[in-house]
Amino acid sequence: MLGIRSTGGNKMKLETIQIDNTVRSGLNSFTDGVIIRDTKVLITLNLPDGQKTTIEGEWRHMSDANRLSERITMLQHAIYEQYEEYRADIPVSWSR
């Protein structure tokens, strides 16, 4: 079943498709989504200078809606700060 599942308390766990959709919507054209490998979630990055890289996270962290949101925000800030010369292509909302 796809969707959010409750693990008790206030923690909400995301399913694979939701992790991918969340990453794609948060990083727009700067990602091709996620790759799931065993207990790892790899976020693909298409950086403004053409570099392609991945950020690795543990499934248990990346499936937590709050932690995933925090990581996406961190990546948005990092992209905005590191690529000043490409600011016309980067949303202003990604600044701190």
N, C-alpha and C. Protein backbone atom coordinates (compact mmCIF):
# COMPACT_ATOMS: atom_id res chain seq x y z
N MET A 1 0.84 -1.18 0.00
CA MET A 1 0.00 0.00 0.00
C MET A 1 0.88 1.24 0.00
N LEU A 2 0.55 2.19 -0.84
CA LEU A 2 1.29 3.44 -0.88
C LEU A 2 0.61 4.44 0.02
N GLY A 3 1.38 5.34 0.56
CA GLY A 3 0.81 6.38 1.41
C GLY A 3 1.61 6.56 2.66
N ILE A 4 1.05 7.33 3.57
CA ILE A 4 1.71 7.57 4.85
C ILE A 4 1.19 6.55 5.83
N ARG A 5 2.08 6.00 6.62
CA ARG A 5 1.63 5.07 7.65
C ARG A 5 2.07 5.58 9.00
N SER A 6 1.26 5.35 9.98
CA SER A 6 1.57 5.80 11.33
C SER A 6 2.38 4.73 12.02
N THR A 7 3.38 5.17 12.76
CA THR A 7 4.20 4.22 13.51
C THR A 7 3.93 4.38 15.00
N GLY A 8 2.84 5.03 15.32
CA GLY A 8 2.55 5.30 16.72
C GLY A 8 3.07 6.66 17.11
N GLY A 9 2.48 7.27 18.08
CA GLY A 9 2.90 8.61 18.47
C GLY A 9 2.61 9.58 17.35
N ASN A 10 3.48 10.56 17.17
CA ASN A 10 3.28 11.57 16.13
C ASN A 10 4.12 11.32 14.89
N LYS A 11 4.90 10.26 14.87
CA LYS A 11 5.79 10.00 13.73
C LYS A 11 4.99 9.46 12.56
N MET A 12 5.21 10.05 11.41
CA MET A 12 4.57 9.57 10.19
C MET A 12 5.67 9.10 9.25
N LYS A 13 5.52 7.89 8.75
CA LYS A 13 6.51 7.32 7.84
C LYS A 13 5.99 7.42 6.41
N LEU A 14 6.86 7.79 5.51
CA LEU A 14 6.52 7.91 4.10
C LEU A 14 6.84 6.61 3.37
N GLU A 15 6.05 6.31 2.37
CA GLU A 15 6.31 5.18 1.49
C GLU A 15 7.25 5.65 0.37
N THR A 16 7.79 4.71 -0.38
CA THR A 16 8.77 5.00 -1.42
C THR A 16 8.31 6.08 -2.39
N ILE A 17 7.11 5.97 -2.93
CA ILE A 17 6.63 6.93 -3.92
C ILE A 17 6.50 8.32 -3.32
N GLN A 18 6.14 8.40 -2.05
CA GLN A 18 6.01 9.71 -1.40
C GLN A 18 7.37 10.35 -1.17
N ILE A 19 8.37 9.54 -0.85
CA ILE A 19 9.72 10.07 -0.68
C ILE A 19 10.17 10.68 -2.01
N ASP A 20 9.98 9.93 -3.10
CA ASP A 20 10.38 10.41 -4.42
C ASP A 20 9.62 11.68 -4.79
N ASN A 21 8.31 11.68 -4.60
CA ASN A 21 7.50 12.87 -4.94
C ASN A 21 7.90 14.08 -4.10
N THR A 22 8.19 13.87 -2.83
CA THR A 22 8.58 14.96 -1.94
C THR A 22 9.91 15.56 -2.39
N VAL A 23 10.86 14.70 -2.72
CA VAL A 23 12.17 15.17 -3.19
C VAL A 23 12.02 15.92 -4.51
N ARG A 24 11.27 15.36 -5.44
CA ARG A 24 11.08 16.00 -6.75
C ARG A 24 10.40 17.36 -6.61
N SER A 25 9.39 17.45 -5.76
CA SER A 25 8.69 18.73 -5.61
C SER A 25 9.54 19.74 -4.85
N GLY A 26 10.38 19.29 -3.93
CA GLY A 26 11.22 20.20 -3.16
C GLY A 26 12.44 20.70 -3.91
N LEU A 27 12.97 19.88 -4.82
CA LEU A 27 14.20 20.26 -5.51
C LEU A 27 14.01 20.55 -7.00
N ASN A 28 12.79 20.42 -7.48
CA ASN A 28 12.44 20.77 -8.87
C ASN A 28 13.40 20.16 -9.88
N SER A 29 13.93 20.98 -10.77
CA SER A 29 14.80 20.49 -11.84
C SER A 29 16.19 20.11 -11.34
N PHE A 30 16.45 20.34 -10.07
CA PHE A 30 17.77 20.03 -9.51
C PHE A 30 17.87 18.58 -9.05
N THR A 31 16.86 17.74 -9.38
CA THR A 31 16.91 16.32 -9.02
C THR A 31 16.23 15.47 -10.08
N ASP A 32 16.63 14.21 -10.13
CA ASP A 32 15.93 13.20 -10.92
C ASP A 32 15.15 12.29 -9.99
N GLY A 33 15.04 12.67 -8.72
CA GLY A 33 14.31 11.87 -7.74
C GLY A 33 15.25 11.07 -6.86
N VAL A 34 14.73 9.94 -6.38
CA VAL A 34 15.52 9.12 -5.46
C VAL A 34 15.76 7.73 -6.04
N ILE A 35 16.78 7.11 -5.51
CA ILE A 35 17.11 5.72 -5.81
C ILE A 35 17.07 4.99 -4.47
N ILE A 36 16.35 3.89 -4.42
CA ILE A 36 16.26 3.11 -3.19
C ILE A 36 17.14 1.88 -3.34
N ARG A 37 18.06 1.69 -2.39
CA ARG A 37 18.95 0.52 -2.38
C ARG A 37 19.01 -0.03 -0.97
N ASP A 38 18.49 -1.23 -0.80
CA ASP A 38 18.49 -1.89 0.51
C ASP A 38 17.93 -0.95 1.57
N THR A 39 18.75 -0.53 2.51
CA THR A 39 18.30 0.36 3.58
C THR A 39 18.70 1.80 3.32
N LYS A 40 19.12 2.10 2.10
CA LYS A 40 19.60 3.45 1.75
C LYS A 40 18.63 4.14 0.80
N VAL A 41 18.55 5.45 0.94
CA VAL A 41 17.82 6.30 0.00
C VAL A 41 18.84 7.29 -0.55
N LEU A 42 19.00 7.31 -1.86
CA LEU A 42 19.94 8.22 -2.50
C LEU A 42 19.15 9.32 -3.21
N ILE A 43 19.40 10.57 -2.85
CA ILE A 43 18.78 11.70 -3.53
C ILE A 43 19.73 12.13 -4.64
N THR A 44 19.24 12.09 -5.87
CA THR A 44 20.07 12.52 -7.00
C THR A 44 20.02 14.04 -7.11
N LEU A 45 21.15 14.64 -7.40
CA LEU A 45 21.22 16.09 -7.57
C LEU A 45 21.77 16.43 -8.95
N ASN A 46 21.11 17.36 -9.62
CA ASN A 46 21.58 17.95 -10.87
C ASN A 46 21.93 19.38 -10.53
N LEU A 47 23.18 19.63 -10.24
CA LEU A 47 23.59 20.96 -9.78
C LEU A 47 23.68 21.95 -10.93
N PRO A 48 23.54 23.24 -10.64
CA PRO A 48 23.50 24.26 -11.69
C PRO A 48 24.71 24.26 -12.62
N ASP A 49 25.87 23.82 -12.14
CA ASP A 49 27.07 23.81 -12.99
C ASP A 49 27.18 22.55 -13.84
N GLY A 50 26.15 21.71 -13.81
CA GLY A 50 26.15 20.49 -14.60
C GLY A 50 26.63 19.26 -13.86
N GLN A 51 27.17 19.44 -12.67
CA GLN A 51 27.64 18.31 -11.87
C GLN A 51 26.44 17.48 -11.40
N LYS A 52 26.62 16.17 -11.42
CA LYS A 52 25.59 15.26 -10.90
C LYS A 52 26.19 14.52 -9.72
N THR A 53 25.44 14.45 -8.66
CA THR A 53 25.92 13.78 -7.45
C THR A 53 24.72 13.20 -6.72
N THR A 54 24.99 12.44 -5.67
CA THR A 54 23.91 11.89 -4.85
C THR A 54 24.21 12.14 -3.38
N ILE A 55 23.14 12.29 -2.63
CA ILE A 55 23.23 12.42 -1.18
C ILE A 55 22.59 11.17 -0.61
N GLU A 56 23.31 10.47 0.25
CA GLU A 56 22.83 9.21 0.80
C GLU A 56 22.24 9.41 2.18
N GLY A 57 21.14 8.71 2.43
CA GLY A 57 20.54 8.73 3.76
C GLY A 57 19.99 7.36 4.10
N GLU A 58 19.85 7.11 5.38
CA GLU A 58 19.28 5.85 5.85
C GLU A 58 17.77 5.87 5.63
N TRP A 59 17.21 4.72 5.25
CA TRP A 59 15.77 4.60 5.02
C TRP A 59 14.98 5.09 6.23
N ARG A 60 15.40 4.71 7.42
CA ARG A 60 14.66 5.07 8.64
C ARG A 60 14.58 6.58 8.82
N HIS A 61 15.59 7.31 8.36
CA HIS A 61 15.57 8.77 8.47
C HIS A 61 14.81 9.40 7.31
N MET A 62 15.06 8.91 6.11
CA MET A 62 14.47 9.51 4.92
C MET A 62 12.98 9.22 4.81
N SER A 63 12.50 8.17 5.46
CA SER A 63 11.07 7.88 5.41
C SER A 63 10.31 8.65 6.49
N ASP A 64 11.03 9.36 7.35
CA ASP A 64 10.41 10.23 8.35
C ASP A 64 10.12 11.57 7.68
N ALA A 65 8.85 11.93 7.61
CA ALA A 65 8.43 13.14 6.87
C ALA A 65 9.15 14.39 7.34
N ASN A 66 9.31 14.56 8.64
CA ASN A 66 9.97 15.76 9.17
C ASN A 66 11.45 15.80 8.82
N ARG A 67 12.13 14.67 8.98
CA ARG A 67 13.57 14.64 8.67
C ARG A 67 13.82 14.84 7.18
N LEU A 68 12.97 14.24 6.34
CA LEU A 68 13.15 14.42 4.90
C LEU A 68 12.95 15.89 4.53
N SER A 69 11.96 16.52 5.10
CA SER A 69 11.71 17.93 4.84
C SER A 69 12.90 18.79 5.26
N GLU A 70 13.48 18.47 6.42
CA GLU A 70 14.66 19.20 6.90
C GLU A 70 15.84 19.03 5.94
N ARG A 71 16.04 17.83 5.43
CA ARG A 71 17.15 17.57 4.51
C ARG A 71 16.96 18.30 3.19
N ILE A 72 15.72 18.32 2.71
CA ILE A 72 15.46 19.04 1.46
C ILE A 72 15.72 20.53 1.65
N THR A 73 15.27 21.08 2.76
CA THR A 73 15.51 22.50 3.04
C THR A 73 17.00 22.78 3.13
N MET A 74 17.75 21.91 3.78
CA MET A 74 19.20 22.05 3.88
C MET A 74 19.84 22.05 2.49
N LEU A 75 19.40 21.15 1.61
CA LEU A 75 19.94 21.08 0.26
C LEU A 75 19.58 22.34 -0.54
N GLN A 76 18.37 22.84 -0.37
CA GLN A 76 17.97 24.08 -1.05
C GLN A 76 18.88 25.23 -0.65
N HIS A 77 19.11 25.38 0.66
CA HIS A 77 19.98 26.45 1.15
C HIS A 77 21.40 26.29 0.60
N ALA A 78 21.91 25.07 0.61
CA ALA A 78 23.27 24.82 0.13
C ALA A 78 23.41 25.15 -1.36
N ILE A 79 22.43 24.74 -2.15
CA ILE A 79 22.48 25.03 -3.59
C ILE A 79 22.43 26.54 -3.81
N TYR A 80 21.55 27.22 -3.12
CA TYR A 80 21.41 28.67 -3.27
C TYR A 80 22.71 29.39 -2.91
N GLU A 81 23.33 28.97 -1.81
CA GLU A 81 24.54 29.64 -1.32
C GLU A 81 25.77 29.32 -2.16
N GLN A 82 25.89 28.10 -2.65
CA GLN A 82 27.10 27.69 -3.37
C GLN A 82 27.12 28.13 -4.83
N TYR A 83 25.97 28.42 -5.40
CA TYR A 83 25.92 28.70 -6.83
C TYR A 83 25.38 30.10 -7.11
N GLU A 84 26.09 31.10 -6.59
CA GLU A 84 25.68 32.49 -6.76
C GLU A 84 25.53 32.87 -8.23
N GLU A 85 26.43 32.39 -9.06
CA GLU A 85 26.40 32.76 -10.47
C GLU A 85 25.19 32.19 -11.22
N TYR A 86 24.47 31.28 -10.59
CA TYR A 86 23.28 30.67 -11.21
C TYR A 86 21.99 31.10 -10.51
N ARG A 87 22.05 32.14 -9.72
CA ARG A 87 20.89 32.55 -8.93
C ARG A 87 19.63 32.81 -9.75
N ALA A 88 19.78 33.20 -11.00
CA ALA A 88 18.61 33.43 -11.85
C ALA A 88 17.80 32.14 -12.06
N ASP A 89 18.47 30.99 -11.90
CA ASP A 89 17.82 29.69 -12.09
C ASP A 89 17.37 29.05 -10.79
N ILE A 90 17.72 29.66 -9.66
CA ILE A 90 17.43 29.07 -8.35
C ILE A 90 16.36 29.91 -7.66
N PRO A 91 15.31 29.26 -7.13
CA PRO A 91 14.26 30.03 -6.45
C PRO A 91 14.81 30.85 -5.28
N VAL A 92 14.39 32.10 -5.18
CA VAL A 92 14.81 32.98 -4.08
C VAL A 92 14.38 32.41 -2.74
N SER A 93 13.30 31.67 -2.71
CA SER A 93 12.81 31.08 -1.46
C SER A 93 13.79 30.09 -0.86
N TRP A 94 14.81 29.69 -1.63
CA TRP A 94 15.82 28.76 -1.13
C TRP A 94 16.89 29.46 -0.30
N SER A 95 16.86 30.78 -0.25
CA SER A 95 17.84 31.49 0.58
C SER A 95 17.46 31.33 2.04
N ARG A 96 18.42 31.56 2.91
CA ARG A 96 18.13 31.44 4.35
C ARG A 96 17.36 32.63 4.84
